[in-house]
């Protein structure tokens, strides 16, 4: 699986687990909702800083956003 898809699936999972909308996550990360949507669909290359901001916003370890199903 492409790492962008893995990240996007994990981002969506942890966002939904936290019970927040894409808008709320975007606000916490300092990006717009369309950016969060593109990341969740695996259509956006993210920087390490964006990964860090997502992890902080979702209160998860950055590595959790990169885990594949084989990891867990």
PDB file of N, CA and C in Angstrom:
ATOM      1  N   UNK A   1       0.851  -1.181   0.000  1.00  0.00           N
ATOM      2  CA  UNK A   1       0.000   0.000   0.000  1.00  0.00           C
ATOM      3  C   UNK A   1       0.893   1.239   0.000  1.00  0.00           C
ATOM      4  N   UNK A   2       0.473   2.245  -0.705  1.00  0.00           N
ATOM      5  CA  UNK A   2       1.170   3.523  -0.768  1.00  0.00           C
ATOM      6  C   UNK A   2       1.160   4.195   0.607  1.00  0.00           C
ATOM      7  N   UNK A   3       2.275   4.776   1.011  1.00  0.00           N
ATOM      8  CA  UNK A   3       2.376   5.404   2.329  1.00  0.00           C
ATOM      9  C   UNK A   3       1.379   6.549   2.482  1.00  0.00           C
ATOM     10  N   UNK A   4       1.046   7.226   1.388  1.00  0.00           N
ATOM     11  CA  UNK A   4       0.052   8.300   1.476  1.00  0.00           C
ATOM     12  C   UNK A   4      -1.318   7.746   1.837  1.00  0.00           C
ATOM     13  N   UNK A   5      -1.663   6.599   1.274  1.00  0.00           N
ATOM     14  CA  UNK A   5      -2.940   5.952   1.612  1.00  0.00           C
ATOM     15  C   UNK A   5      -2.941   5.452   3.047  1.00  0.00           C
ATOM     16  N   UNK A   6      -1.822   4.887   3.459  1.00  0.00           N
ATOM     17  CA  UNK A   6      -1.697   4.416   4.841  1.00  0.00           C
ATOM     18  C   UNK A   6      -1.886   5.573   5.805  1.00  0.00           C
ATOM     19  N   UNK A   7      -1.169   6.661   5.568  1.00  0.00           N
ATOM     20  CA  UNK A   7      -1.292   7.842   6.418  1.00  0.00           C
ATOM     21  C   UNK A   7      -2.730   8.351   6.410  1.00  0.00           C
ATOM     22  N   UNK A   8      -3.323   8.460   5.227  1.00  0.00           N
ATOM     23  CA  UNK A   8      -4.688   8.966   5.112  1.00  0.00           C
ATOM     24  C   UNK A   8      -5.703   8.108   5.843  1.00  0.00           C
ATOM     25  N   UNK A   9      -5.584   6.797   5.704  1.00  0.00           N
ATOM     26  CA  UNK A   9      -6.502   5.888   6.402  1.00  0.00           C
ATOM     27  C   UNK A   9      -6.353   6.026   7.912  1.00  0.00           C
ATOM     28  N   UNK A  10      -5.107   6.121   8.375  1.00  0.00           N
ATOM     29  CA  UNK A  10      -4.864   6.268   9.813  1.00  0.00           C
ATOM     30  C   UNK A  10      -5.355   7.620  10.314  1.00  0.00           C
ATOM     31  N   UNK A  11      -5.123   8.665   9.531  1.00  0.00           N
ATOM     32  CA  UNK A  11      -5.585   9.999   9.909  1.00  0.00           C
ATOM     33  C   UNK A  11      -7.104   9.994  10.078  1.00  0.00           C
ATOM     34  N   UNK A  12      -7.814   9.428   9.106  1.00  0.00           N
ATOM     35  CA  UNK A  12      -9.281   9.348   9.183  1.00  0.00           C
ATOM     36  C   UNK A  12      -9.715   8.523  10.401  1.00  0.00           C
ATOM     37  N   UNK A  13      -9.061   7.388  10.607  1.00  0.00           N
ATOM     38  CA  UNK A  13      -9.406   6.519  11.739  1.00  0.00           C
ATOM     39  C   UNK A  13      -9.286   7.265  13.069  1.00  0.00           C
ATOM     40  N   UNK A  14      -8.141   7.892  13.297  1.00  0.00           N
ATOM     41  CA  UNK A  14      -7.931   8.577  14.576  1.00  0.00           C
ATOM     42  C   UNK A  14      -8.796   9.832  14.702  1.00  0.00           C
ATOM     43  N   UNK A  15      -9.089  10.499  13.587  1.00  0.00           N
ATOM     44  CA  UNK A  15      -9.984  11.656  13.629  1.00  0.00           C
ATOM     45  C   UNK A  15     -11.390  11.210  14.029  1.00  0.00           C
ATOM     46  N   UNK A  16     -11.876  10.149  13.398  1.00  0.00           N
ATOM     47  CA  UNK A  16     -13.208   9.647  13.721  1.00  0.00           C
ATOM     48  C   UNK A  16     -13.257   9.094  15.140  1.00  0.00           C
ATOM     49  N   UNK A  17     -12.184   8.438  15.559  1.00  0.00           N
ATOM     50  CA  UNK A  17     -12.112   7.920  16.927  1.00  0.00           C
ATOM     51  C   UNK A  17     -12.200   9.065  17.941  1.00  0.00           C
ATOM     52  N   UNK A  18     -11.595  10.197  17.589  1.00  0.00           N
ATOM     53  CA  UNK A  18     -11.640  11.376  18.459  1.00  0.00           C
ATOM     54  C   UNK A  18     -12.986  12.086  18.389  1.00  0.00           C
ATOM     55  N   UNK A  19     -13.804  11.726  17.399  1.00  0.00           N
ATOM     56  CA  UNK A  19     -15.126  12.320  17.266  1.00  0.00           C
ATOM     57  C   UNK A  19     -15.098  13.760  16.782  1.00  0.00           C
ATOM     58  N   UNK A  20     -14.114  14.094  15.934  1.00  0.00           N
ATOM     59  CA  UNK A  20     -14.044  15.458  15.427  1.00  0.00           C
ATOM     60  C   UNK A  20     -14.185  15.469  13.904  1.00  0.00           C
ATOM     61  N   UNK A  21     -14.630  16.585  13.400  1.00  0.00           N
ATOM     62  CA  UNK A  21     -14.835  16.750  11.964  1.00  0.00           C
ATOM     63  C   UNK A  21     -13.519  17.106  11.276  1.00  0.00           C
ATOM     64  N   UNK A  22     -13.539  17.049   9.956  1.00  0.00           N
ATOM     65  CA  UNK A  22     -12.379  17.500   9.193  1.00  0.00           C
ATOM     66  C   UNK A  22     -12.119  18.977   9.464  1.00  0.00           C
ATOM     67  N   UNK A  23     -13.178  19.763   9.589  1.00  0.00           N
ATOM     68  CA  UNK A  23     -13.025  21.194   9.888  1.00  0.00           C
ATOM     69  C   UNK A  23     -12.313  21.405  11.219  1.00  0.00           C
ATOM     70  N   UNK A  24     -12.723  20.656  12.235  1.00  0.00           N
ATOM     71  CA  UNK A  24     -12.122  20.806  13.558  1.00  0.00           C
ATOM     72  C   UNK A  24     -10.656  20.377  13.542  1.00  0.00           C
ATOM     73  N   UNK A  25     -10.359  19.281  12.853  1.00  0.00           N
ATOM     74  CA  UNK A  25      -8.971  18.839  12.761  1.00  0.00           C
ATOM     75  C   UNK A  25      -8.140  19.869  12.007  1.00  0.00           C
ATOM     76  N   UNK A  26      -8.677  20.384  10.923  1.00  0.00           N
ATOM     77  CA  UNK A  26      -7.966  21.399  10.140  1.00  0.00           C
ATOM     78  C   UNK A  26      -7.637  22.611  11.004  1.00  0.00           C
ATOM     79  N   UNK A  27      -8.594  23.048  11.807  1.00  0.00           N
ATOM     80  CA  UNK A  27      -8.362  24.202  12.677  1.00  0.00           C
ATOM     81  C   UNK A  27      -7.258  23.917  13.686  1.00  0.00           C
ATOM     82  N   UNK A  28      -7.268  22.723  14.259  1.00  0.00           N
ATOM     83  CA  UNK A  28      -6.222  22.347  15.223  1.00  0.00           C
ATOM     84  C   UNK A  28      -4.847  22.285  14.578  1.00  0.00           C
ATOM     85  N   UNK A  29      -4.807  21.896  13.304  1.00  0.00           N
ATOM     86  CA  UNK A  29      -3.542  21.752  12.598  1.00  0.00           C
ATOM     87  C   UNK A  29      -3.081  23.043  11.928  1.00  0.00           C
ATOM     88  N   UNK A  30      -3.974  23.997  11.780  1.00  0.00           N
ATOM     89  CA  UNK A  30      -3.631  25.237  11.108  1.00  0.00           C
ATOM     90  C   UNK A  30      -3.618  25.119   9.594  1.00  0.00           C
ATOM     91  N   UNK A  31      -4.471  24.232   9.066  1.00  0.00           N
ATOM     92  CA  UNK A  31      -4.613  24.050   7.615  1.00  0.00           C
ATOM     93  C   UNK A  31      -6.092  24.167   7.273  1.00  0.00           C
ATOM     94  N   UNK A  32      -6.426  24.106   5.990  1.00  0.00           N
ATOM     95  CA  UNK A  32      -7.847  24.154   5.652  1.00  0.00           C
ATOM     96  C   UNK A  32      -8.427  22.743   5.508  1.00  0.00           C
ATOM     97  N   UNK A  33      -9.761  22.684   5.525  1.00  0.00           N
ATOM     98  CA  UNK A  33     -10.453  21.403   5.489  1.00  0.00           C
ATOM     99  C   UNK A  33     -10.129  20.622   4.226  1.00  0.00           C
ATOM    100  N   UNK A  34      -9.973  21.301   3.102  1.00  0.00           N
ATOM    101  CA  UNK A  34      -9.663  20.624   1.847  1.00  0.00           C
ATOM    102  C   UNK A  34      -8.324  19.894   1.934  1.00  0.00           C
ATOM    103  N   UNK A  35      -7.388  20.464   2.675  1.00  0.00           N
ATOM    104  CA  UNK A  35      -6.077  19.822   2.850  1.00  0.00           C
ATOM    105  C   UNK A  35      -6.233  18.521   3.647  1.00  0.00           C
ATOM    106  N   UNK A  36      -7.028  18.567   4.715  1.00  0.00           N
ATOM    107  CA  UNK A  36      -7.287  17.367   5.512  1.00  0.00           C
ATOM    108  C   UNK A  36      -7.979  16.318   4.648  1.00  0.00           C
ATOM    109  N   UNK A  37      -8.950  16.735   3.867  1.00  0.00           N
ATOM    110  CA  UNK A  37      -9.659  15.814   2.983  1.00  0.00           C
ATOM    111  C   UNK A  37      -8.701  15.141   1.999  1.00  0.00           C
ATOM    112  N   UNK A  38      -7.828  15.924   1.387  1.00  0.00           N
ATOM    113  CA  UNK A  38      -6.860  15.375   0.428  1.00  0.00           C
ATOM    114  C   UNK A  38      -5.898  14.407   1.115  1.00  0.00           C
ATOM    115  N   UNK A  39      -5.488  14.732   2.331  1.00  0.00           N
ATOM    116  CA  UNK A  39      -4.600  13.818   3.072  1.00  0.00           C
ATOM    117  C   UNK A  39      -5.317  12.505   3.359  1.00  0.00           C
ATOM    118  N   UNK A  40      -6.559  12.585   3.805  1.00  0.00           N
ATOM    119  CA  UNK A  40      -7.314  11.373   4.128  1.00  0.00           C
ATOM    120  C   UNK A  40      -7.542  10.497   2.901  1.00  0.00           C
ATOM    121  N   UNK A  41      -7.645  11.098   1.736  1.00  0.00           N
ATOM    122  CA  UNK A  41      -7.837  10.334   0.495  1.00  0.00           C
ATOM    123  C   UNK A  41      -6.516   9.839  -0.077  1.00  0.00           C
ATOM    124  N   UNK A  42      -5.402  10.167   0.566  1.00  0.00           N
ATOM    125  CA  UNK A  42      -4.097   9.724   0.083  1.00  0.00           C
ATOM    126  C   UNK A  42      -3.629  10.479  -1.137  1.00  0.00           C
ATOM    127  N   UNK A  43      -4.144  11.664  -1.337  1.00  0.00           N
ATOM    128  CA  UNK A  43      -3.807  12.451  -2.521  1.00  0.00           C
ATOM    129  C   UNK A  43      -2.844  13.592  -2.221  1.00  0.00           C
ATOM    130  N   UNK A  44      -2.334  13.630  -1.013  1.00  0.00           N
ATOM    131  CA  UNK A  44      -1.484  14.746  -0.602  1.00  0.00           C
ATOM    132  C   UNK A  44      -0.182  14.215  -0.007  1.00  0.00           C
ATOM    133  N   UNK A  45       0.932  14.686  -0.537  1.00  0.00           N
ATOM    134  CA  UNK A  45       2.203  14.409   0.112  1.00  0.00           C
ATOM    135  C   UNK A  45       2.293  15.305   1.335  1.00  0.00           C
ATOM    136  N   UNK A  46       2.607  14.734   2.477  1.00  0.00           N
ATOM    137  CA  UNK A  46       2.688  15.539   3.691  1.00  0.00           C
ATOM    138  C   UNK A  46       4.140  15.676   4.124  1.00  0.00           C
ATOM    139  N   UNK A  47       4.437  16.785   4.743  1.00  0.00           N
ATOM    140  CA  UNK A  47       5.769  16.994   5.290  1.00  0.00           C
ATOM    141  C   UNK A  47       5.831  16.387   6.687  1.00  0.00           C
ATOM    142  N   UNK A  48       7.020  16.265   7.195  1.00  0.00           N
ATOM    143  CA  UNK A  48       7.200  15.749   8.555  1.00  0.00           C
ATOM    144  C   UNK A  48       6.548  16.693   9.568  1.00  0.00           C
ATOM    145  N   UNK A  49       6.536  17.978   9.272  1.00  0.00           N
ATOM    146  CA  UNK A  49       5.891  18.957  10.152  1.00  0.00           C
ATOM    147  C   UNK A  49       4.377  18.748  10.158  1.00  0.00           C
ATOM    148  N   UNK A  50       3.792  18.493   8.994  1.00  0.00           N
ATOM    149  CA  UNK A  50       2.358  18.226   8.913  1.00  0.00           C
ATOM    150  C   UNK A  50       2.020  16.950   9.674  1.00  0.00           C
ATOM    151  N   UNK A  51       2.851  15.933   9.532  1.00  0.00           N
ATOM    152  CA  UNK A  51       2.665  14.692  10.288  1.00  0.00           C
ATOM    153  C   UNK A  51       2.671  14.982  11.782  1.00  0.00           C
ATOM    154  N   UNK A  52       3.629  15.786  12.226  1.00  0.00           N
ATOM    155  CA  UNK A  52       3.745  16.145  13.642  1.00  0.00           C
ATOM    156  C   UNK A  52       2.503  16.907  14.110  1.00  0.00           C
ATOM    157  N   UNK A  53       2.034  17.876  13.324  1.00  0.00           N
ATOM    158  CA  UNK A  53       0.849  18.651  13.697  1.00  0.00           C
ATOM    159  C   UNK A  53      -0.392  17.772  13.772  1.00  0.00           C
ATOM    160  N   UNK A  54      -0.517  16.823  12.859  1.00  0.00           N
ATOM    161  CA  UNK A  54      -1.652  15.899  12.890  1.00  0.00           C
ATOM    162  C   UNK A  54      -1.614  15.042  14.149  1.00  0.00           C
ATOM    163  N   UNK A  55      -0.440  14.535  14.481  1.00  0.00           N
ATOM    164  CA  UNK A  55      -0.298  13.706  15.671  1.00  0.00           C
ATOM    165  C   UNK A  55      -0.634  14.501  16.935  1.00  0.00           C
ATOM    166  N   UNK A  56      -0.135  15.730  17.025  1.00  0.00           N
ATOM    167  CA  UNK A  56      -0.454  16.569  18.183  1.00  0.00           C
ATOM    168  C   UNK A  56      -1.951  16.849  18.267  1.00  0.00           C
ATOM    169  N   UNK A  57      -2.560  17.167  17.138  1.00  0.00           N
ATOM    170  CA  UNK A  57      -3.985  17.491  17.112  1.00  0.00           C
ATOM    171  C   UNK A  57      -4.849  16.300  17.519  1.00  0.00           C
ATOM    172  N   UNK A  58      -4.379  15.099  17.195  1.00  0.00           N
ATOM    173  CA  UNK A  58      -5.152  13.888  17.491  1.00  0.00           C
ATOM    174  C   UNK A  58      -4.694  13.189  18.762  1.00  0.00           C
ATOM    175  N   UNK A  59      -3.650  13.731  19.394  1.00  0.00           N
ATOM    176  CA  UNK A  59      -3.094  13.162  20.624  1.00  0.00           C
ATOM    177  C   UNK A  59      -2.681  11.698  20.429  1.00  0.00           C
ATOM    178  N   UNK A  60      -1.949  11.458  19.332  1.00  0.00           N
ATOM    179  CA  UNK A  60      -1.387  10.128  19.065  1.00  0.00           C
ATOM    180  C   UNK A  60       0.093  10.293  18.756  1.00  0.00           C
ATOM    181  N   UNK A  61       0.832   9.207  18.833  1.00  0.00           N
ATOM    182  CA  UNK A  61       2.235   9.242  18.449  1.00  0.00           C
ATOM    183  C   UNK A  61       2.330   9.370  16.932  1.00  0.00           C
ATOM    184  N   UNK A  62       3.292  10.133  16.432  1.00  0.00           N
ATOM    185  CA  UNK A  62       3.432  10.259  14.981  1.00  0.00           C
ATOM    186  C   UNK A  62       3.527   8.907  14.272  1.00  0.00           C
ATOM    187  N   UNK A  63       4.204   7.941  14.881  1.00  0.00           N
ATOM    188  CA  UNK A  63       4.356   6.622  14.267  1.00  0.00           C
ATOM    189  C   UNK A  63       3.011   5.940  14.046  1.00  0.00           C
ATOM    190  N   UNK A  64       2.019   6.246  14.890  1.00  0.00           N
ATOM    191  CA  UNK A  64       0.700   5.624  14.751  1.00  0.00           C
ATOM    192  C   UNK A  64       0.055   6.004  13.427  1.00  0.00           C
ATOM    193  N   UNK A  65       0.397   7.162  12.903  1.00  0.00           N
ATOM    194  CA  UNK A  65      -0.176   7.605  11.636  1.00  0.00           C
ATOM    195  C   UNK A  65       0.481   6.941  10.425  1.00  0.00           C
ATOM    196  N   UNK A  66       1.576   6.226  10.665  1.00  0.00           N
ATOM    197  CA  UNK A  66       2.287   5.553   9.578  1.00  0.00           C
ATOM    198  C   UNK A  66       2.208   4.034   9.662  1.00  0.00           C
ATOM    199  N   UNK A  67       1.560   3.516  10.693  1.00  0.00           N
ATOM    200  CA  UNK A  67       1.476   2.068  10.880  1.00  0.00           C
ATOM    201  C   UNK A  67       0.633   1.417   9.791  1.00  0.00           C
ATOM    202  N   UNK A  68       1.107   0.287   9.317  1.00  0.00           N
ATOM    203  CA  UNK A  68       0.337  -0.501   8.364  1.00  0.00           C
ATOM    204  C   UNK A  68      -0.367  -1.600   9.126  1.00  0.00           C
ATOM    205  N   UNK A  69      -1.309  -2.270   8.483  1.00  0.00           N
ATOM    206  CA  UNK A  69      -2.050  -3.340   9.161  1.00  0.00           C
ATOM    207  C   UNK A  69      -1.115  -4.474   9.579  1.00  0.00           C
ATOM    208  N   UNK A  70      -0.009  -4.659   8.873  1.00  0.00           N
ATOM    209  CA  UNK A  70       0.956  -5.701   9.251  1.00  0.00           C
ATOM    210  C   UNK A  70       1.696  -5.342  10.540  1.00  0.00           C
ATOM    211  N   UNK A  71       1.756  -4.019  10.871  1.00  0.00           N
ATOM    212  CA  UNK A  71       2.471  -3.565  12.064  1.00  0.00           C
ATOM    213  C   UNK A  71       1.729  -3.917  13.340  1.00  0.00           C
ATOM    214  N   UNK A  72       0.400  -3.905  13.274  1.00  0.00           N
ATOM    215  CA  UNK A  72      -0.393  -4.040  14.493  1.00  0.00           C
ATOM    216  C   UNK A  72      -0.803  -5.406  14.727  1.00  0.00           C
TER     217      UNK A  72
END
